[in-house]
Amino acid sequence: LADEVAVMHQGKIIARGKPDALIAPWWTSFWSLPLRSVLRKLSNLSPETARVLLCHNVSDHAAGALHHFLTLGAFFSADAFVVHAESDRDRLARRIGNRPIAVLPHPVVDATVPPRDLARRELGITTPLVLFLGLVRRYKGVDVLLEAAPRIVRETGATIAVVGEVFPEARHLTRRWEHSSVRSSVLWCDEYVPEDEMWRWLAASDVVVLPYRYVSGSGIAARAIAARRPMAAAAVGGLAETVRPGVTGELFAPADPNALADAVARIIERGVGFYEPGLAGAAEQASWPRYVDGLLSFLGSLKADS
């Protein structure tokens, strides 16, 4: 009851200012009930305020009937949506019908990336580096990377690094790494990775691997672009739109370890410099100023249509 009162109070505070729009981030059904309460209270007290969900994920990673039900409750309390990929727009439109949806690719930060030689020296890297970065969860396909690892190591001489906290749902992957025939060439860093450490790993890498089984937008892909590092990515969701073969990296068929190994080998053979012009162009197209301009334009269109 106390939580419900607090949520209602937040809705009243927001409504008091009569904003043109409220933008609320969305990534998991965990927040469905409080977010739905705020949006509905705002609708009653300030109906002229557009209620916009900025969806990092359209489908919850822990999908189930209850998650789906809770998600729809929040979605139907919103007036409009911002998503990261055309595939998300299509999926969302099928669920919520004819409501405004803007597609704005995940913005790329203007980051200060350490020099490559310094990063490699600090991390003790002396071979080509194939990097998986971020939380290790089932849907991210690290098992596919581990299956491809023997061939990658044999054909390219690369070191493979899996850098990020392993979720309980994916603990079995630690055992797979421990029993891998190329374990000595796979760095398994099961720990939280702060931002400065992320940039060090990215700077040291030759290719960033994104073997996801499904995904909306990817913050890791945006960081790879900011660091000017080519990506070997499964052709799913927003990755299929972000990664342009021969320009910002290479795509491969999802859940296919041989296709993953082919993509990694192609990137290592071509070298980081081959992709730098395309990555620089992608960083400009998805810069924060462009993202903000797109968002403001979308919000302006909502007000004009109201």
Protein backbone atom coordinates (compact mmCIF):
# COMPACT_ATOMS: atom_id res chain seq x y z
CA LEU A 1 0.00 0.00 0.00
CA ALA A 2 2.82 2.39 0.88
CA ASP A 3 4.48 1.70 -2.48
CA GLU A 4 1.21 2.33 -4.32
CA VAL A 5 0.75 5.66 -2.52
CA ALA A 6 4.33 6.65 -3.43
CA VAL A 7 3.73 5.80 -7.10
CA MET A 8 0.52 7.82 -7.19
CA HIS A 9 2.35 10.73 -5.58
CA GLN A 10 4.99 10.61 -8.33
CA GLY A 11 2.23 10.74 -10.94
CA LYS A 12 0.77 13.82 -9.27
CA ILE A 13 4.15 15.56 -9.14
CA ILE A 14 4.73 14.96 -12.86
CA ALA A 15 1.19 16.09 -13.79
CA ARG A 16 1.57 19.29 -11.78
CA GLY A 17 4.19 20.53 -14.24
CA LYS A 18 1.93 19.87 -17.28
CA PRO A 19 4.81 18.62 -19.46
CA ASP A 20 4.35 18.11 -23.19
CA ALA A 21 5.65 14.56 -22.82
CA LEU A 22 6.87 12.06 -20.29
CA ILE A 23 9.56 9.67 -21.57
CA ALA A 24 9.99 6.54 -19.47
CA PRO A 25 12.62 3.87 -20.19
CA TRP A 26 11.40 0.31 -20.64
CA TRP A 27 13.47 -2.87 -20.59
CA THR A 28 11.79 -5.37 -18.28
CA SER A 29 8.34 -6.34 -17.01
CA PHE A 30 9.67 -6.05 -13.45
CA TRP A 31 8.67 -2.38 -13.61
CA SER A 32 5.27 -2.96 -15.22
CA LEU A 33 2.96 -2.29 -12.27
CA PRO A 34 4.51 0.93 -10.91
CA LEU A 35 5.06 2.31 -14.41
CA ARG A 36 1.49 1.53 -15.44
CA SER A 37 0.21 3.30 -12.31
CA VAL A 38 2.23 6.43 -13.04
CA LEU A 39 1.14 6.54 -16.68
CA ARG A 40 -2.53 6.08 -15.82
CA LYS A 41 -2.42 8.72 -13.07
CA LEU A 42 -0.75 11.11 -15.51
CA SER A 43 -3.44 10.40 -18.11
CA ASN A 44 -6.16 11.36 -15.63
CA LEU A 45 -4.49 14.49 -14.27
CA SER A 46 -2.73 15.80 -17.40
CA PRO A 47 -4.34 14.23 -20.50
CA GLU A 48 -2.46 16.60 -22.81
CA THR A 49 0.88 15.06 -21.76
CA ALA A 50 2.12 12.42 -24.21
CA ARG A 51 3.17 9.24 -22.40
CA VAL A 52 6.12 7.74 -24.28
CA LEU A 53 7.95 4.48 -23.58
CA LEU A 54 11.57 4.30 -24.73
CA CYS A 55 11.89 0.55 -25.29
CA HIS A 56 15.34 -0.96 -24.96
CA ASN A 57 13.65 -4.36 -25.27
CA VAL A 58 10.21 -4.99 -26.73
CA SER A 59 10.17 -8.57 -25.45
CA ASP A 60 11.31 -9.39 -21.93
CA HIS A 61 14.42 -11.58 -21.78
CA ALA A 62 12.67 -13.66 -19.09
CA ALA A 63 9.63 -14.21 -21.28
CA GLY A 64 6.59 -16.06 -19.97
CA ALA A 65 2.82 -15.71 -19.78
CA LEU A 66 2.96 -13.51 -16.67
CA HIS A 67 5.72 -11.30 -18.11
CA HIS A 68 3.72 -10.92 -21.32
CA PHE A 69 0.58 -9.95 -19.40
CA LEU A 70 2.40 -7.40 -17.26
CA THR A 71 4.16 -5.93 -20.28
CA LEU A 72 0.91 -5.39 -22.15
CA GLY A 73 -0.53 -3.58 -19.13
CA ALA A 74 2.28 -1.04 -19.29
CA PHE A 75 2.27 -0.81 -23.09
CA PHE A 76 -1.45 -0.08 -23.31
CA SER A 77 -0.99 2.72 -20.76
CA ALA A 78 1.36 4.56 -23.14
CA ASP A 79 0.51 6.82 -26.09
CA ALA A 80 3.65 6.33 -28.17
CA PHE A 81 6.93 4.41 -28.31
CA VAL A 82 10.58 4.76 -29.28
CA VAL A 83 12.42 1.58 -30.32
CA HIS A 84 15.94 0.83 -31.60
CA ALA A 85 15.17 -1.26 -34.69
CA GLU A 86 12.64 -1.69 -37.49
CA SER A 87 12.13 -5.30 -36.40
CA ASP A 88 11.04 -3.99 -32.98
CA ARG A 89 8.61 -1.57 -34.61
CA ASP A 90 6.99 -4.44 -36.48
CA ARG A 91 6.81 -6.66 -33.40
CA LEU A 92 5.42 -3.87 -31.24
CA ALA A 93 2.84 -2.78 -33.82
CA ARG A 94 1.44 -6.30 -33.89
CA ARG A 95 0.95 -6.15 -30.13
CA ILE A 96 -0.40 -2.65 -29.52
CA GLY A 97 -2.01 -1.70 -32.84
CA ASN A 98 -2.00 1.72 -34.42
CA ARG A 99 0.03 3.88 -32.04
CA PRO A 100 2.95 6.13 -33.02
CA ILE A 101 6.32 4.36 -33.01
CA ALA A 102 9.67 6.00 -33.80
CA VAL A 103 12.76 3.98 -34.73
CA LEU A 104 15.93 5.60 -33.39
CA PRO A 105 19.04 3.37 -33.42
CA HIS A 106 20.89 3.00 -30.15
CA PRO A 107 23.01 6.17 -29.78
CA VAL A 108 26.80 5.95 -29.94
CA VAL A 109 28.68 7.76 -27.20
CA ASP A 110 31.60 10.04 -27.97
CA ALA A 111 34.07 8.07 -25.88
CA THR A 112 37.73 8.50 -25.01
CA VAL A 113 39.26 5.16 -25.98
CA PRO A 114 42.76 4.30 -24.75
CA PRO A 115 45.49 3.66 -27.36
CA ARG A 116 45.37 0.13 -28.74
CA ASP A 117 49.02 -0.69 -27.94
CA LEU A 118 48.66 0.52 -24.37
CA ALA A 119 45.43 -1.42 -23.81
CA ARG A 120 46.92 -4.64 -25.18
CA ARG A 121 50.04 -4.22 -23.05
CA GLU A 122 48.00 -3.61 -19.88
CA LEU A 123 45.84 -6.67 -20.55
CA GLY A 124 48.76 -8.86 -21.61
CA ILE A 125 47.35 -9.49 -25.11
CA THR A 126 49.88 -10.51 -27.78
CA THR A 127 47.60 -12.23 -30.34
CA PRO A 128 44.50 -11.16 -32.25
CA LEU A 129 41.73 -10.67 -29.67
CA VAL A 130 38.16 -11.88 -30.18
CA LEU A 131 35.98 -10.21 -27.55
CA PHE A 132 32.58 -10.97 -26.08
CA LEU A 133 31.70 -8.15 -23.68
CA GLY A 134 28.75 -7.74 -21.33
CA LEU A 135 26.49 -9.80 -19.10
CA VAL A 136 26.56 -13.49 -19.94
CA ARG A 137 22.98 -14.71 -20.33
CA ARG A 138 21.44 -17.61 -22.24
CA TYR A 139 19.98 -15.51 -25.03
CA LYS A 140 23.38 -13.99 -25.84
CA GLY A 141 24.70 -17.16 -27.47
CA VAL A 142 28.02 -17.51 -25.65
CA ASP A 143 27.59 -21.28 -26.05
CA VAL A 144 27.83 -20.76 -29.82
CA LEU A 145 31.09 -18.85 -29.36
CA LEU A 146 32.51 -21.62 -27.15
CA GLU A 147 31.58 -24.19 -29.79
CA ALA A 148 33.31 -22.11 -32.46
CA ALA A 149 36.37 -21.46 -30.26
CA PRO A 150 38.54 -24.44 -31.32
CA ARG A 151 38.26 -23.54 -34.98
CA ILE A 152 38.82 -19.81 -34.33
CA VAL A 153 41.95 -20.51 -32.32
CA ARG A 154 43.27 -23.08 -34.79
CA GLU A 155 42.73 -20.94 -37.90
CA THR A 156 43.56 -17.45 -36.61
CA GLY A 157 45.76 -17.97 -33.56
CA ALA A 158 43.47 -15.59 -31.68
CA THR A 159 42.80 -15.27 -27.99
CA ILE A 160 39.08 -15.27 -27.12
CA ALA A 161 37.92 -13.22 -24.13
CA VAL A 162 34.49 -13.54 -22.49
CA VAL A 163 34.34 -10.49 -20.24
CA GLY A 164 31.30 -9.91 -18.05
CA GLU A 165 29.30 -11.20 -15.12
CA VAL A 166 27.81 -14.67 -15.69
CA PHE A 167 24.13 -14.79 -14.68
CA PRO A 168 22.94 -17.83 -12.68
CA GLU A 169 20.91 -19.01 -15.70
CA ALA A 170 24.18 -19.36 -17.65
CA ARG A 171 26.43 -20.96 -15.03
CA HIS A 172 26.66 -24.12 -17.12
CA LEU A 173 28.73 -22.15 -19.63
CA THR A 174 31.53 -21.84 -17.08
CA ARG A 175 31.74 -25.63 -17.01
CA ARG A 176 31.80 -25.73 -20.82
CA TRP A 177 34.73 -23.32 -20.82
CA GLU A 178 36.54 -25.36 -18.17
CA HIS A 179 36.27 -28.47 -20.37
CA SER A 180 37.07 -26.71 -23.66
CA SER A 181 39.92 -28.15 -25.70
CA VAL A 182 41.24 -24.58 -26.14
CA ARG A 183 40.64 -23.40 -22.57
CA SER A 184 44.15 -21.89 -22.38
CA SER A 185 43.26 -19.58 -25.29
CA VAL A 186 39.92 -18.46 -23.80
CA LEU A 187 40.00 -15.78 -21.08
CA TRP A 188 36.94 -16.23 -18.85
CA CYS A 189 36.43 -13.04 -16.80
CA ASP A 190 33.29 -13.60 -14.71
CA GLU A 191 33.00 -10.21 -13.03
CA TYR A 192 31.29 -6.84 -13.21
CA VAL A 193 33.07 -4.66 -15.75
CA PRO A 194 33.14 -0.88 -15.09
CA GLU A 195 33.05 1.55 -18.00
CA ASP A 196 36.77 2.34 -18.10
CA GLU A 197 37.58 -1.38 -18.15
CA MET A 198 35.10 -1.91 -21.01
CA TRP A 199 36.91 0.66 -23.13
CA ARG A 200 40.27 -0.99 -22.36
CA TRP A 201 39.02 -4.37 -23.61
CA LEU A 202 37.43 -2.79 -26.68
CA ALA A 203 40.62 -0.90 -27.52
CA ALA A 204 42.65 -4.11 -27.27
CA SER A 205 40.27 -6.15 -29.44
CA ASP A 206 40.35 -7.01 -33.14
CA VAL A 207 36.71 -8.11 -33.38
CA VAL A 208 33.72 -7.84 -31.05
CA VAL A 209 31.50 -10.93 -31.20
CA LEU A 210 27.73 -10.62 -30.73
CA PRO A 211 26.36 -14.17 -31.09
CA TYR A 212 22.89 -13.35 -29.71
CA ARG A 213 19.91 -15.57 -30.39
CA TYR A 214 17.61 -12.55 -30.26
CA VAL A 215 18.05 -8.89 -29.38
CA SER A 216 16.52 -5.44 -29.83
CA GLY A 217 19.26 -2.83 -29.74
CA SER A 218 22.70 -3.48 -28.29
CA GLY A 219 24.63 -1.15 -26.04
CA ILE A 220 27.73 -3.27 -26.66
CA ALA A 221 27.36 -2.80 -30.43
CA ALA A 222 27.13 0.96 -29.86
CA ARG A 223 30.31 0.84 -27.76
CA ALA A 224 32.09 -1.20 -30.43
CA ILE A 225 31.20 1.44 -33.01
CA ALA A 226 32.42 4.19 -30.68
CA ALA A 227 35.72 2.32 -30.26
CA ARG A 228 35.91 1.72 -34.05
CA ARG A 229 36.01 -2.05 -33.62
CA PRO A 230 34.35 -4.30 -36.23
CA MET A 231 31.65 -6.70 -35.10
CA ALA A 232 30.90 -10.32 -35.94
CA ALA A 233 27.20 -10.45 -35.19
CA ALA A 234 24.33 -12.88 -35.52
CA ALA A 235 21.81 -11.61 -38.07
CA VAL A 236 19.00 -11.06 -35.55
CA GLY A 237 16.92 -8.08 -34.45
CA GLY A 238 18.64 -4.74 -34.39
CA LEU A 239 22.05 -6.29 -35.05
CA ALA A 240 20.97 -7.17 -38.58
CA GLU A 241 20.37 -3.43 -39.12
CA THR A 242 23.38 -2.10 -37.21
CA VAL A 243 26.09 -4.36 -38.65
CA ARG A 244 26.65 -3.81 -42.36
CA PRO A 245 28.73 -6.61 -43.93
CA GLY A 246 32.07 -5.33 -45.17
CA VAL A 247 31.41 -1.90 -43.64
CA THR A 248 31.00 -2.14 -39.85
CA GLY A 249 31.66 -5.86 -39.50
CA GLU A 250 30.21 -9.16 -40.70
CA LEU A 251 26.93 -10.99 -40.10
CA PHE A 252 26.45 -14.71 -39.62
CA ALA A 253 23.49 -17.08 -39.29
CA PRO A 254 22.37 -17.22 -35.65
CA ALA A 255 23.30 -20.30 -33.59
CA ASP A 256 25.77 -21.44 -36.30
CA PRO A 257 29.30 -21.84 -34.85
CA ASN A 258 30.91 -22.44 -38.25
CA ALA A 259 29.34 -19.29 -39.68
CA LEU A 260 30.54 -17.40 -36.59
CA ALA A 261 34.08 -18.71 -37.08
CA ASP A 262 33.96 -17.70 -40.77
CA ALA A 263 32.90 -14.15 -39.87
CA VAL A 264 35.61 -13.79 -37.23
CA ALA A 265 38.30 -15.12 -39.59
CA ARG A 266 37.20 -12.71 -42.34
CA ILE A 267 37.44 -9.72 -40.02
CA ILE A 268 40.85 -10.72 -38.63
CA GLU A 269 42.17 -11.28 -42.16
CA ARG A 270 40.94 -7.87 -43.32
CA GLY A 271 42.14 -6.09 -40.19
CA VAL A 272 40.64 -3.35 -38.03
CA GLY A 273 41.71 -0.61 -40.45
CA PHE A 274 39.56 -2.05 -43.23
CA TYR A 275 36.39 -1.25 -41.26
CA GLU A 276 37.42 2.07 -39.71
CA PRO A 277 35.81 4.34 -42.36
CA GLY A 278 32.48 2.50 -42.13
CA LEU A 279 32.55 2.54 -38.33
CA ALA A 280 33.31 6.27 -38.31
CA GLY A 281 30.33 6.88 -40.57
CA ALA A 282 28.10 4.71 -38.38
CA ALA A 283 29.21 6.65 -35.29
CA GLU A 284 28.24 9.92 -36.95
CA GLN A 285 24.85 8.60 -38.08
CA ALA A 286 24.01 7.34 -34.58
CA SER A 287 25.56 10.20 -32.59
CA TRP A 288 23.80 11.62 -29.54
CA PRO A 289 23.00 14.96 -31.26
CA ARG A 290 21.26 13.10 -34.11
CA TYR A 291 19.44 10.91 -31.59
CA VAL A 292 18.19 13.93 -29.65
CA ASP A 293 17.11 15.68 -32.86
CA GLY A 294 15.15 12.59 -33.89
CA LEU A 295 13.54 12.30 -30.48
CA LEU A 296 12.52 15.95 -30.36
CA SER A 297 11.11 15.71 -33.88
CA PHE A 298 9.03 12.69 -32.88
CA LEU A 299 7.72 14.40 -29.73
CA GLY A 300 6.84 17.46 -31.81
CA SER A 301 4.82 15.32 -34.20
CA LEU A 302 2.85 13.87 -31.27
CA LYS A 303 1.95 17.34 -30.07
CA ALA A 304 0.95 18.45 -33.58
CA ASP A 305 -1.34 15.42 -33.93
CA SER A 306 -3.00 15.82 -30.54
